[in-house]
């Protein structure tokens, strides 16, 4: 009976491995995760985590991807989870390996991306006694996880296996609801750490009835409702919808902030419906899909940052009320304008987060924009008001001025990269936009259009760590993808290129090389040199062609915008390539001041 039991489950791969106590434990854990919907595990090397690594590697329906560097692995897993909108398992050994996951765990929490972190650990008797590779891993990630579970040491006990199964089920649910984020499971293991056979475990397995015991054990485990469809207002926390007030007031603004919705077209259509129903402009952040579905929104405003830098005009545009969808836009000018004008503000978001860093007169409406659009009063759209016309006229003039300046044939300015990408990428291309200068150039210069480009980003904690690895995770087994990044963010994560042998798909890295931190050129500290150049700009003077040869990655230096357009209009389907765009950060800083008027 035991041999039949071992071969029964998993389409040729046993779901419960009775080789020894650890294999029983981890195979139950992995099979439970598979039945819940897990399809990818990112596994870092190590001894104490060997039972987990073997279990994931042997499961035929879960793709197990080995990654050497734990920080890179964690951001790669984050990218996979961003793309799939389901948790990715992330596995490491005991000791400081788990500490390298921390930045990605923080980003997962702040940007509400589901992640399941499995850290192997020493058993209790090998803690706090000078045993090797043993640190205090309990609640290692503090308040940045949705849940923490210190699991029991594996035993051959049916009751404990049921406890393990249900704990894993609960951990999976906590990574998705009520707000997606990371969950940490700490798993202590005693030796043997290999799948070496042990008579006690094999004999214990023979005691189970195949038809009744094992199948019944896993019965009822199924993927929960998709998080995108679970949009319920928390009881007692939702404010009534002020639809009558919105219809009555004339000077309103709808802000489409940073967002990566599950259904971009439906999301943009809902925003357009609200905008047209109320007769208000839509100030669309570059990291919102709204700019890439421009035909849906007749009142779209993309140049609001430059418009609001004009004191007389920004004063005329002072709103009575603001409706914001998504996270606050990147623009410092817009934030200051909201702080100074202090309009009544409503934030549309189904989560439990406080999403107003301006601390204004803000009410959070805990529902989605799609739900709100369905509840609008069936009134005919109002005629465009003088206030709306003022916004639309300012947008038309400012957008035309920006586009004409960026189209100068002799101009070589790094802001043109984002501008050209918005016009020439293949439709529906996923693009990961690095923090620091690239996200700001996208906000300032990304031209509205109807190419349905899919923006991705790590704007939870706004760091530059893990940029390349996250982009590879988004591109893995997905559409050909583009990464827009600067040289420092790229160098900060070059270990991500070690993923190239396990990466399936294509990533084009548009690398803006201005030999340092260009964002600091726009800050007051740039006037103080020394120590500005050495301690803030931090130029690295790297030969990226040589770096790419080291990793066997395709490389090309961009010498003209015609060449650049040719390289991005049609993307390869496999591999990784780098398109280096050399720039002068000091000259670019001056160009930004001229173009933006500040």
Protein backbone atom coordinates (compact mmCIF):
# COMPACT_ATOMS: atom_id res chain seq x y z
CA UNK A 1 0.00 0.00 0.00
CA UNK A 2 2.85 2.38 0.81
CA UNK A 3 4.33 2.26 -2.71
CA UNK A 4 0.93 2.90 -4.28
CA UNK A 5 0.38 5.80 -1.90
CA UNK A 6 3.67 7.44 -2.89
CA UNK A 7 2.82 7.43 -6.60
CA UNK A 8 -0.84 8.32 -6.38
CA UNK A 9 -0.90 12.11 -6.27
CA UNK A 10 0.42 14.99 -8.36
CA UNK A 11 0.09 13.56 -11.87
CA UNK A 12 3.08 11.27 -11.50
CA UNK A 13 4.77 13.26 -8.74
CA UNK A 14 3.89 12.22 -5.22
CA UNK A 15 2.07 14.84 -3.20
CA UNK A 16 3.11 13.34 0.14
CA UNK A 17 6.66 12.05 0.37
CA UNK A 18 7.02 9.56 3.22
CA UNK A 19 10.81 9.27 2.97
CA UNK A 20 11.35 10.93 6.38
CA UNK A 21 9.67 13.28 8.81
CA UNK A 22 10.87 16.46 7.03
CA UNK A 23 9.79 15.28 3.58
CA UNK A 24 6.31 14.46 4.87
CA UNK A 25 6.06 17.92 6.44
CA UNK A 26 7.27 19.98 3.47
CA UNK A 27 5.41 17.94 0.85
CA UNK A 28 2.15 18.59 2.71
CA UNK A 29 3.05 22.30 2.83
CA UNK A 30 3.94 22.51 -0.88
CA UNK A 31 0.93 20.49 -2.04
CA UNK A 32 -1.36 22.71 0.03
CA UNK A 33 0.14 25.80 -1.59
CA UNK A 34 -0.26 24.29 -5.04
CA UNK A 35 -3.94 23.57 -4.44
CA UNK A 36 -4.40 27.12 -3.19
CA UNK A 37 -3.00 28.46 -6.48
CA UNK A 38 0.77 28.76 -6.07
CA UNK A 39 2.58 28.30 -9.38
CA UNK A 40 6.04 29.78 -8.80
CA UNK A 41 8.64 29.49 -6.05
CA UNK A 42 11.90 31.45 -5.95
CA UNK A 43 14.45 29.40 -4.02
CA UNK A 44 17.79 30.60 -2.65
CA UNK A 45 20.56 28.06 -1.90
CA UNK A 46 21.30 26.86 1.63
CA UNK A 47 21.50 23.80 3.84
CA UNK A 48 18.78 24.32 6.44
CA UNK A 49 16.23 25.07 3.72
CA UNK A 50 17.09 21.88 1.79
CA UNK A 51 13.77 20.14 2.62
CA UNK A 52 11.83 23.08 1.17
CA UNK A 53 14.08 23.39 -1.88
CA UNK A 54 13.74 19.70 -2.71
CA UNK A 55 9.96 19.72 -2.25
CA UNK A 56 9.48 22.70 -4.56
CA UNK A 57 11.97 21.37 -7.11
CA UNK A 58 10.18 17.98 -7.26
CA UNK A 59 6.66 19.36 -7.63
CA UNK A 60 5.86 19.12 -11.34
CA UNK A 61 3.16 21.81 -11.37
CA UNK A 62 5.19 24.50 -9.54
CA UNK A 63 7.98 26.33 -11.33
CA UNK A 64 10.93 26.44 -8.93
CA UNK A 65 13.54 29.06 -9.87
CA UNK A 66 16.96 29.04 -8.13
CA UNK A 67 18.46 32.48 -7.44
CA UNK A 68 21.84 33.01 -5.81
CA UNK A 69 21.42 36.49 -4.32
CA UNK A 70 18.65 36.76 -1.73
CA UNK A 71 17.91 40.44 -2.30
CA UNK A 72 17.65 39.90 -6.04
CA UNK A 73 15.53 36.78 -5.46
CA UNK A 74 13.09 38.69 -3.28
CA UNK A 75 12.56 41.47 -5.82
CA UNK A 76 12.28 38.93 -8.64
CA UNK A 77 9.53 37.22 -6.63
CA UNK A 78 7.93 40.62 -6.10
CA UNK A 79 7.92 41.22 -9.85
CA UNK A 80 6.34 37.82 -10.48
CA UNK A 81 3.63 38.58 -7.93
CA UNK A 82 2.99 42.03 -9.42
CA UNK A 83 2.50 40.50 -12.83
CA UNK A 84 0.35 37.52 -11.78
CA UNK A 85 -1.50 39.19 -8.86
CA UNK A 86 -1.10 35.98 -6.87
CA UNK A 87 1.46 35.19 -4.15
CA UNK A 88 4.91 33.94 -5.10
CA UNK A 89 6.76 31.71 -2.62
CA UNK A 90 10.19 32.96 -1.56
CA UNK A 91 12.51 30.49 0.18
CA UNK A 92 15.84 30.89 2.00
CA UNK A 93 18.01 29.18 4.57
CA UNK A 94 18.55 30.25 8.17
CA UNK A 95 20.70 33.16 9.33
CA UNK A 96 21.27 36.47 7.58
CA UNK A 97 19.85 35.14 4.29
CA UNK A 98 16.39 36.16 5.47
CA UNK A 99 17.61 39.67 6.28
CA UNK A 100 18.37 40.23 2.59
CA UNK A 101 14.66 39.78 1.86
CA UNK A 102 13.78 42.79 4.00
CA UNK A 103 13.76 45.58 1.33
CA UNK A 104 11.45 43.57 -0.92
CA UNK A 105 9.21 42.68 2.03
CA UNK A 106 8.88 46.39 2.79
CA UNK A 107 8.05 47.17 -0.84
CA UNK A 108 5.55 44.30 -0.91
CA UNK A 109 3.80 45.76 2.12
CA UNK A 110 3.84 49.37 0.98
CA UNK A 111 2.69 48.61 -2.57
CA UNK A 112 0.21 45.90 -1.53
CA UNK A 113 1.68 42.98 -3.49
CA UNK A 114 1.09 39.43 -2.16
CA UNK A 115 4.24 37.55 -1.17
CA UNK A 116 4.79 34.36 0.84
CA UNK A 117 8.17 34.35 2.62
CA UNK A 118 9.38 30.93 3.86
CA UNK A 119 12.51 31.12 6.00
CA UNK A 120 14.14 27.92 7.24
CA UNK A 121 15.44 28.04 10.80
CA UNK A 122 17.35 26.08 13.42
CA UNK A 123 15.16 24.14 15.86
CA UNK A 124 14.72 25.63 19.36
CA UNK A 125 17.61 23.66 20.90
CA UNK A 126 20.07 25.25 18.43
CA UNK A 127 19.03 28.84 19.10
CA UNK A 128 20.83 31.22 21.46
CA UNK A 129 23.63 28.71 22.10
CA UNK A 130 26.30 29.81 19.60
CA UNK A 131 25.16 27.38 16.93
CA UNK A 132 26.25 28.33 13.44
CA UNK A 133 24.05 30.33 11.09
CA UNK A 134 21.42 30.92 13.76
CA UNK A 135 19.94 34.36 14.38
CA UNK A 136 16.66 35.47 15.94
CA UNK A 137 14.27 35.15 12.99
CA UNK A 138 11.02 35.46 14.92
CA UNK A 139 9.01 38.43 13.69
CA UNK A 140 12.07 39.44 11.70
CA UNK A 141 10.07 41.78 9.44
CA UNK A 142 8.18 43.51 12.23
CA UNK A 143 5.03 45.36 11.20
CA UNK A 144 5.75 45.01 7.48
CA UNK A 145 3.99 41.66 7.17
CA UNK A 146 0.29 40.87 7.10
CA UNK A 147 0.95 37.86 9.28
CA UNK A 148 3.77 35.94 10.98
CA UNK A 149 3.72 32.21 11.74
CA UNK A 150 6.36 30.33 13.73
CA UNK A 151 5.64 26.74 12.68
CA UNK A 152 6.16 23.67 14.81
CA UNK A 153 9.16 21.40 14.37
CA UNK A 154 8.09 18.61 11.97
CA UNK A 155 6.63 15.47 13.53
CA UNK A 156 4.87 12.37 12.26
CA UNK A 157 1.51 13.27 13.72
CA UNK A 158 -1.77 13.53 11.82
CA UNK A 159 -3.05 16.30 14.06
CA UNK A 160 0.08 18.40 13.52
CA UNK A 161 -0.11 17.90 9.76
CA UNK A 162 -3.68 19.18 9.85
CA UNK A 163 -2.41 22.18 11.84
CA UNK A 164 0.28 22.74 9.20
CA UNK A 165 -2.24 22.54 6.36
CA UNK A 166 -4.65 25.01 7.94
CA UNK A 167 -1.88 27.40 8.94
CA UNK A 168 -0.69 27.48 5.33
CA UNK A 169 -4.25 28.07 4.12
CA UNK A 170 -4.64 30.97 6.53
CA UNK A 171 -1.23 32.41 5.59
CA UNK A 172 -2.18 32.33 1.91
CA UNK A 173 -5.44 34.15 2.62
CA UNK A 174 -3.64 36.74 4.76
CA UNK A 175 -1.31 37.51 1.85
CA UNK A 176 -4.37 38.53 -0.20
CA UNK A 177 -7.04 39.84 2.19
CA UNK A 178 -8.18 42.27 3.35
CA UNK A 179 -5.19 44.08 1.80
CA UNK A 180 -2.54 42.23 -0.20
CA UNK A 181 0.97 42.07 1.24
CA UNK A 182 3.73 39.80 2.53
CA UNK A 183 3.29 36.94 4.99
CA UNK A 184 6.22 35.33 6.83
CA UNK A 185 6.38 31.66 7.80
CA UNK A 186 9.43 30.62 9.86
CA UNK A 187 10.10 26.88 9.58
CA UNK A 188 12.50 25.11 11.96
CA UNK A 189 14.00 21.80 10.79
CA UNK A 190 15.99 19.10 12.55
CA UNK A 191 18.24 16.80 10.58
CA UNK A 192 18.14 14.89 8.29
CA UNK A 193 17.82 17.81 5.88
CA UNK A 194 18.14 15.55 2.82
CA UNK A 195 15.33 13.29 1.52
CA UNK A 196 17.14 10.23 2.82
CA UNK A 197 14.69 7.34 3.60
CA UNK A 198 13.88 6.56 7.22
CA UNK A 199 11.98 3.38 8.21
CA UNK A 200 9.76 5.13 10.78
CA UNK A 201 8.32 7.57 8.24
CA UNK A 202 7.83 4.90 5.62
CA UNK A 203 6.09 2.62 8.07
CA UNK A 204 3.89 5.49 9.26
CA UNK A 205 2.87 6.19 5.67
CA UNK A 206 1.74 2.59 5.23
CA UNK A 207 -0.89 3.12 7.93
CA UNK A 208 -2.92 5.50 5.77
CA UNK A 209 -5.82 4.41 3.63
CA UNK A 210 -5.25 5.73 0.11
CA UNK A 211 -8.80 6.51 -0.90
CA UNK A 212 -10.09 7.91 2.36
CA UNK A 213 -7.27 9.38 4.44
CA UNK A 214 -4.95 11.13 1.97
CA UNK A 215 -7.55 12.41 -0.49
CA UNK A 216 -9.78 13.52 2.35
CA UNK A 217 -6.82 15.34 3.90
CA UNK A 218 -6.50 17.68 0.91
CA UNK A 219 -10.20 17.83 0.02
CA UNK A 220 -11.73 21.29 0.08
CA UNK A 221 -8.51 23.22 -0.58
CA UNK A 222 -9.04 25.56 -3.51
CA UNK A 223 -7.91 29.02 -4.62
CA UNK A 224 -9.90 31.72 -2.80
CA UNK A 225 -11.80 34.47 -4.60
CA UNK A 226 -9.55 36.68 -6.70
CA UNK A 227 -8.46 39.74 -4.74
CA UNK A 228 -9.49 42.01 -7.62
CA UNK A 229 -13.09 40.87 -7.28
CA UNK A 230 -13.20 41.12 -3.51
CA UNK A 231 -13.98 44.81 -3.15
CA UNK A 232 -16.22 45.09 -0.12
CA UNK A 233 -16.58 48.25 1.91
CA UNK A 234 -15.50 47.64 5.52
CA UNK A 235 -18.57 47.69 7.73
CA UNK A 236 -19.07 50.95 9.56
CA UNK A 237 -16.09 52.76 7.98
CA UNK A 238 -17.42 53.98 4.65
CA UNK A 239 -18.65 57.55 4.41
CA UNK A 240 -21.82 58.25 2.43
CA UNK A 241 -21.22 59.22 -1.17
CA UNK A 242 -21.55 63.00 -1.65
CA UNK A 243 -22.92 62.68 -5.17
CA UNK A 244 -25.31 65.63 -4.81
CA UNK A 245 -22.49 67.88 -3.57
CA UNK A 246 -20.22 66.89 -6.44
CA UNK A 247 -22.95 67.67 -8.95
CA UNK A 248 -23.63 71.03 -7.29
CA UNK A 249 -20.04 72.30 -7.09
CA UNK A 250 -18.49 73.66 -10.27
CA UNK A 251 -14.76 73.79 -9.49
CA UNK A 252 -13.82 70.15 -9.13
CA UNK A 253 -10.74 68.14 -10.10
CA UNK A 254 -10.34 64.39 -10.48
CA UNK A 255 -6.77 63.15 -9.88
CA UNK A 256 -5.80 59.80 -11.41
CA UNK A 257 -2.78 58.94 -9.29
CA UNK A 258 -0.26 56.12 -9.21
CA UNK A 259 -2.12 52.88 -9.91
CA UNK A 260 -1.78 49.44 -11.43
CA UNK A 261 -5.38 48.18 -11.64
CA UNK A 262 -6.20 44.59 -12.61
CA UNK A 263 -8.37 45.71 -15.55
CA UNK A 264 -6.88 48.96 -16.95
CA UNK A 265 -9.53 49.62 -19.59
CA UNK A 266 -12.43 49.22 -17.14
CA UNK A 267 -10.55 51.35 -14.61
CA UNK A 268 -9.94 54.15 -17.13
CA UNK A 269 -13.52 53.95 -18.41
CA UNK A 270 -14.84 54.35 -14.86
CA UNK A 271 -12.66 57.44 -14.34
CA UNK A 272 -13.84 58.84 -17.66
CA UNK A 273 -17.47 58.21 -16.70
CA UNK A 274 -17.06 60.08 -13.42
CA UNK A 275 -15.20 62.93 -15.15
CA UNK A 276 -17.83 63.39 -17.86
CA UNK A 277 -20.74 63.01 -15.44
CA UNK A 278 -19.39 65.74 -13.15
CA UNK A 279 -17.76 67.87 -15.85
CA UNK A 280 -14.33 67.88 -14.18
CA UNK A 281 -10.80 67.52 -15.60
CA UNK A 282 -8.70 64.39 -15.01
CA UNK A 283 -5.15 65.15 -13.86
CA UNK A 284 -3.46 61.91 -14.93
CA UNK A 285 -0.16 60.83 -13.37
CA UNK A 286 2.29 59.17 -15.79
CA UNK A 287 2.18 55.99 -13.67
CA UNK A 288 -1.58 55.74 -14.11
CA UNK A 289 -2.94 53.79 -17.09
CA UNK A 290 -5.24 56.73 -17.86
CA UNK A 291 -2.64 58.45 -20.06
CA UNK A 292 -2.43 55.31 -22.21
CA UNK A 293 -6.21 55.16 -22.81
CA UNK A 294 -6.49 58.83 -23.70
CA UNK A 295 -9.43 58.47 -26.09
CA UNK A 296 -11.65 57.49 -23.16
CA UNK A 297 -11.01 60.77 -21.34
CA UNK A 298 -11.90 63.99 -23.24
CA UNK A 299 -10.88 66.14 -20.26
CA UNK A 300 -7.44 64.56 -19.66
CA UNK A 301 -4.70 66.84 -18.30
CA UNK A 302 -1.11 65.53 -18.44
CA UNK A 303 0.95 68.73 -18.09
CA UNK A 304 -0.46 69.75 -14.70
CA UNK A 305 3.00 69.95 -13.08
CA UNK A 306 4.12 72.66 -15.50
CA UNK A 307 0.73 74.38 -15.43
CA UNK A 308 0.78 74.65 -11.63
CA UNK A 309 4.28 76.13 -11.65
CA UNK A 310 2.70 79.34 -13.03
CA UNK A 311 1.53 81.24 -9.91
CA UNK A 312 -1.20 83.31 -11.54
CA UNK A 313 -2.67 80.33 -13.38
CA UNK A 314 -2.44 77.96 -10.42
CA UNK A 315 -4.35 80.52 -8.34
CA UNK A 316 -7.12 80.72 -10.94
CA UNK A 317 -7.35 76.93 -10.94
CA UNK A 318 -7.91 76.64 -7.19
CA UNK A 319 -10.55 73.87 -6.76
CA UNK A 320 -13.48 73.56 -4.38
CA UNK A 321 -13.18 69.80 -4.23
CA UNK A 322 -10.85 67.03 -5.36
CA UNK A 323 -11.58 63.37 -6.01
CA UNK A 324 -8.44 61.25 -6.06
CA UNK A 325 -8.14 57.69 -7.36
CA UNK A 326 -4.96 55.75 -6.68
CA UNK A 327 -1.91 56.82 -4.69
CA UNK A 328 -0.76 60.42 -4.59
CA UNK A 329 1.02 61.48 -7.83
CA UNK A 330 4.78 61.93 -7.81
CA UNK A 331 4.61 65.67 -8.52
CA UNK A 332 5.86 67.77 -5.60
CA UNK A 333 4.24 70.81 -7.25
CA UNK A 334 0.81 69.16 -7.21
CA UNK A 335 1.18 68.16 -3.57
CA UNK A 336 2.14 71.69 -2.58
CA UNK A 337 -0.81 73.08 -4.54
CA UNK A 338 -3.22 70.77 -2.68
CA UNK A 339 -1.65 71.70 0.66
CA UNK A 340 -1.92 75.40 -0.06
CA UNK A 341 -5.44 75.43 -1.51
CA UNK A 342 -6.89 72.97 1.04
CA UNK A 343 -9.90 71.78 -1.02
CA UNK A 344 -12.38 69.23 0.23
CA UNK A 345 -10.87 65.94 -0.85
CA UNK A 346 -12.19 62.40 -1.30
CA UNK A 347 -9.86 59.45 -1.83
CA UNK A 348 -11.37 56.47 -3.66
CA UNK A 349 -9.65 53.27 -2.54
CA UNK A 350 -11.00 50.00 -1.11
CA UNK A 351 -8.07 49.39 1.25
CA UNK A 352 -7.72 50.34 4.90
CA UNK A 353 -4.76 52.68 4.32
CA UNK A 354 -4.47 56.42 4.94
CA UNK A 355 -3.55 57.71 1.47
CA UNK A 356 -3.32 61.44 2.13
CA UNK A 357 0.24 62.64 2.92
CA UNK A 358 -0.96 66.27 2.71
CA UNK A 359 -3.21 65.83 5.77
CA UNK A 360 -5.94 67.88 4.18
CA UNK A 361 -9.69 67.87 4.70
CA UNK A 362 -9.88 64.34 3.35
CA UNK A 363 -12.49 61.60 3.47
CA UNK A 364 -11.60 58.08 2.38
CA UNK A 365 -14.33 56.28 0.47
CA UNK A 366 -13.60 52.55 0.82
CA UNK A 367 -14.71 51.32 -2.58
CA UNK A 368 -13.29 51.02 -6.09
CA UNK A 369 -13.66 53.60 -8.82
CA UNK A 370 -15.61 50.99 -10.81
CA UNK A 371 -18.10 50.62 -7.95
CA UNK A 372 -18.39 54.37 -7.61
CA UNK A 373 -19.05 54.82 -11.33
CA UNK A 374 -21.93 52.35 -11.13
CA UNK A 375 -23.56 54.40 -8.36
CA UNK A 376 -23.53 57.75 -10.15
CA UNK A 377 -26.79 59.57 -10.48
CA UNK A 378 -28.32 59.07 -13.95
CA UNK A 379 -28.09 62.75 -14.87
CA UNK A 380 -27.11 64.17 -18.27
CA UNK A 381 -23.50 65.42 -18.41
CA UNK A 382 -23.27 69.14 -17.71
CA UNK A 383 -22.00 71.61 -20.27
CA UNK A 384 -18.26 72.34 -19.84
CA UNK A 385 -17.86 75.02 -17.19
CA UNK A 386 -15.48 78.01 -17.49
CA UNK A 387 -13.33 76.26 -14.87
CA UNK A 388 -13.12 73.06 -16.94
CA UNK A 389 -12.42 75.06 -20.09
CA UNK A 390 -9.56 76.86 -18.34
CA UNK A 391 -7.94 73.51 -17.50
CA UNK A 392 -8.41 72.17 -21.03
CA UNK A 393 -6.99 75.31 -22.63
CA UNK A 394 -3.98 75.26 -20.31
CA UNK A 395 -3.39 71.59 -21.12
CA UNK A 396 -3.58 72.13 -24.89
CA UNK A 397 -1.15 75.06 -24.85
CA UNK A 398 1.29 73.50 -22.38
CA UNK A 399 1.25 70.08 -24.01
CA UNK A 400 1.89 71.62 -27.42
CA UNK A 401 4.75 73.70 -26.04
CA UNK A 402 6.38 70.67 -24.39
CA UNK A 403 5.99 68.48 -27.46
CA UNK A 404 7.46 71.12 -29.75
CA UNK A 405 10.46 71.59 -27.46
CA UNK A 406 11.09 67.84 -27.15
CA UNK A 407 10.81 67.38 -30.93
CA UNK A 408 13.77 69.67 -31.69
CA UNK A 409 16.02 67.66 -34.02
CA UNK A 410 19.28 68.80 -32.38
CA UNK A 411 18.14 68.27 -28.76
CA UNK A 412 19.75 65.45 -26.75
CA UNK A 413 17.98 65.39 -23.39
CA UNK A 414 17.24 62.36 -21.24
CA UNK A 415 13.61 63.44 -20.74
CA UNK A 416 13.11 62.68 -24.43
CA UNK A 417 13.51 58.97 -23.66
CA UNK A 418 10.21 58.79 -21.76
CA UNK A 419 8.55 61.03 -24.37
CA UNK A 420 9.64 58.75 -27.24
CA UNK A 421 8.75 55.56 -25.40
CA UNK A 422 5.19 56.83 -24.97
CA UNK A 423 4.86 57.22 -28.74
CA UNK A 424 6.81 54.29 -30.19
CA UNK A 425 6.54 51.26 -27.92
CA UNK A 426 4.43 48.42 -29.34
CA UNK A 427 0.83 48.51 -28.07
CA UNK A 428 0.21 46.96 -24.63
CA UNK A 429 3.92 46.72 -23.82
CA UNK A 430 4.63 46.30 -20.09
CA UNK A 431 7.18 48.89 -18.96
CA UNK A 432 8.80 48.93 -15.54
CA UNK A 433 9.77 52.47 -14.56
CA UNK A 434 12.55 52.90 -12.03
CA UNK A 435 12.27 55.18 -9.04
CA UNK A 436 14.32 58.38 -8.90
CA UNK A 437 14.52 60.44 -12.13
CA UNK A 438 12.74 58.05 -14.57
CA UNK A 439 9.39 58.22 -12.74
CA UNK A 440 9.57 61.99 -12.76
CA UNK A 441 10.44 62.17 -16.45
CA UNK A 442 7.45 59.92 -17.13
CA UNK A 443 5.19 62.22 -15.14
CA UNK A 444 6.56 65.36 -16.81
CA UNK A 445 6.95 64.20 -20.40
CA UNK A 446 4.97 61.00 -21.09
CA UNK A 447 2.62 61.91 -23.93
CA UNK A 448 -1.03 60.76 -23.70
CA UNK A 449 -2.04 58.22 -26.31
CA UNK A 450 -4.02 55.06 -26.98
CA UNK A 451 -1.29 52.44 -27.07
CA UNK A 452 -2.53 50.80 -23.84
CA UNK A 453 1.01 50.65 -22.45
CA UNK A 454 1.10 48.87 -19.06
CA UNK A 455 3.19 50.78 -16.49
CA UNK A 456 4.74 48.87 -13.58
CA UNK A 457 6.77 50.35 -10.72
CA UNK A 458 7.96 49.98 -7.13
CA UNK A 459 6.44 53.13 -5.62
CA UNK A 460 5.55 51.72 -2.23
CA UNK A 461 8.84 52.64 -0.57
CA UNK A 462 10.15 54.51 -3.64
CA UNK A 463 13.61 52.94 -3.41
CA UNK A 464 16.01 52.07 -6.23
CA UNK A 465 16.90 48.65 -4.81
CA UNK A 466 15.83 45.58 -6.75
CA UNK A 467 14.80 47.48 -9.88
CA UNK A 468 16.32 45.07 -12.41
CA UNK A 469 15.20 41.94 -10.56
CA UNK A 470 11.63 43.22 -10.24
CA UNK A 471 11.52 44.01 -13.95
CA UNK A 472 12.76 40.51 -14.78
CA UNK A 473 10.02 39.08 -12.57
CA UNK A 474 7.40 41.08 -14.44
CA UNK A 475 8.81 40.01 -17.82
CA UNK A 476 9.20 36.30 -16.93
CA UNK A 477 6.77 34.26 -19.06
CA UNK A 478 4.99 37.50 -20.00
CA UNK A 479 4.94 39.90 -22.93
CA UNK A 480 8.24 41.37 -24.11
CA UNK A 481 8.91 44.03 -21.49
CA UNK A 482 10.90 47.27 -21.17
CA UNK A 483 12.76 48.60 -18.15
CA UNK A 484 13.46 52.35 -17.99
CA UNK A 485 16.25 52.96 -15.48
CA UNK A 486 19.23 55.12 -14.62
CA UNK A 487 22.79 53.92 -14.25
CA UNK A 488 22.90 53.94 -10.43
CA UNK A 489 19.67 51.94 -10.01
CA UNK A 490 20.92 49.44 -12.59
CA UNK A 491 24.31 49.07 -10.88
CA UNK A 492 22.61 48.68 -7.51
CA UNK A 493 21.03 45.44 -8.76
CA UNK A 494 23.39 43.97 -11.37
CA UNK A 495 23.18 40.61 -9.57
CA UNK A 496 19.76 40.43 -11.19
CA UNK A 497 21.57 39.53 -14.42
CA UNK A 498 22.45 36.18 -12.79
CA UNK A 499 18.81 35.29 -13.46
CA UNK A 500 19.43 35.20 -17.21
CA UNK A 501 19.73 31.38 -17.42
CA UNK A 502 16.38 30.86 -15.68
CA UNK A 503 14.54 33.76 -17.31
CA UNK A 504 11.95 32.99 -19.99
CA UNK A 505 10.83 35.88 -22.19
CA UNK A 506 12.43 39.18 -23.10
CA UNK A 507 13.50 42.34 -21.27
CA UNK A 508 14.88 45.45 -23.00
CA UNK A 509 16.73 47.64 -20.51
CA UNK A 510 16.73 51.29 -21.56
CA UNK A 511 19.70 52.49 -19.53
CA UNK A 512 20.08 56.25 -19.13
CA UNK A 513 23.74 56.71 -18.26
CA UNK A 514 24.43 60.18 -16.91
CA UNK A 515 27.25 58.88 -14.69
CA UNK A 516 25.62 59.53 -11.36
CA UNK A 517 22.44 60.43 -9.56
CA UNK A 518 20.75 62.89 -11.87
CA UNK A 519 17.88 63.50 -9.45
CA UNK A 520 20.23 65.26 -7.02
CA UNK A 521 21.07 67.88 -9.67
CA UNK A 522 17.51 69.19 -9.20
CA UNK A 523 17.86 69.55 -5.41
CA UNK A 524 19.38 72.44 -3.37
CA UNK A 525 22.31 70.24 -2.28
CA UNK A 526 23.68 70.45 -5.85
CA UNK A 527 24.89 73.97 -5.07
CA UNK A 528 27.31 72.66 -2.44
CA UNK A 529 30.29 71.01 -4.10
CA UNK A 530 32.26 69.64 -2.43
CA UNK A 531 30.84 67.31 -1.15
CA UNK A 532 28.00 67.10 -3.74
CA UNK A 533 29.75 65.27 -6.57
CA UNK A 534 31.41 62.63 -4.40
CA UNK A 535 28.73 61.95 -1.79
CA UNK A 536 25.46 62.66 -3.64
CA UNK A 537 25.96 62.35 -7.40
CA UNK A 538 28.34 59.40 -6.76
CA UNK A 539 29.58 58.86 -10.35
CA UNK A 540 30.75 55.29 -10.98
CA UNK A 541 32.33 55.55 -14.47
CA UNK A 542 31.38 52.02 -15.54
CA UNK A 543 31.93 50.55 -19.01
CA UNK A 544 28.47 49.04 -19.51
CA UNK A 545 29.48 47.28 -22.74
CA UNK A 546 32.10 45.36 -20.79
CA UNK A 547 29.67 44.69 -17.93
CA UNK A 548 27.16 43.21 -20.38
CA UNK A 549 29.85 41.01 -21.95
CA UNK A 550 30.62 39.63 -18.49
CA UNK A 551 27.02 38.47 -18.13
CA UNK A 552 26.65 37.53 -21.82
CA UNK A 553 23.88 40.10 -22.25
CA UNK A 554 23.24 41.90 -25.56
CA UNK A 555 24.35 45.53 -25.57
CA UNK A 556 23.99 48.54 -27.88
CA UNK A 557 24.93 52.17 -27.42
CA UNK A 558 22.33 54.63 -28.71
CA UNK A 559 23.83 57.41 -30.81
CA UNK A 560 20.68 58.98 -32.31
CA UNK A 561 16.96 59.19 -31.64
CA UNK A 562 16.26 57.58 -35.01
CA UNK A 563 18.30 54.56 -33.89
CA UNK A 564 16.50 54.52 -30.53
CA UNK A 565 13.04 54.58 -32.15
CA UNK A 566 14.02 51.70 -34.45
CA UNK A 567 15.14 49.59 -31.48
CA UNK A 568 11.98 50.08 -29.41
CA UNK A 569 9.32 49.88 -32.12
CA UNK A 570 9.76 46.11 -32.42
CA UNK A 571 10.90 44.19 -29.34
CA UNK A 572 12.68 40.82 -29.36
CA UNK A 573 10.87 37.82 -27.87
CA UNK A 574 13.72 36.21 -25.93
CA UNK A 575 16.76 37.23 -23.92
CA UNK A 576 17.96 40.40 -22.20
CA UNK A 577 19.43 43.41 -23.98
CA UNK A 578 20.71 46.78 -22.82
CA UNK A 579 20.23 49.98 -24.83
CA UNK A 580 22.56 52.54 -23.26
CA UNK A 581 21.57 56.20 -23.75
CA UNK A 582 24.53 58.40 -22.70
CA UNK A 583 23.47 61.73 -21.21
CA UNK A 584 24.89 64.77 -19.42
CA UNK A 585 23.12 65.14 -16.09
CA UNK A 586 24.17 68.75 -15.49
CA UNK A 587 22.99 69.86 -18.93
CA UNK A 588 19.80 67.82 -18.48
CA UNK A 589 19.09 69.54 -15.16
CA UNK A 590 19.23 72.90 -16.93
CA UNK A 591 16.92 71.64 -19.68
CA UNK A 592 14.35 70.53 -17.13
CA UNK A 593 14.32 73.99 -15.59
CA UNK A 594 13.72 75.55 -19.01
CA UNK A 595 11.04 73.09 -20.06
CA UNK A 596 9.17 73.04 -16.76
CA UNK A 597 9.59 76.70 -15.90
CA UNK A 598 11.00 76.07 -12.43
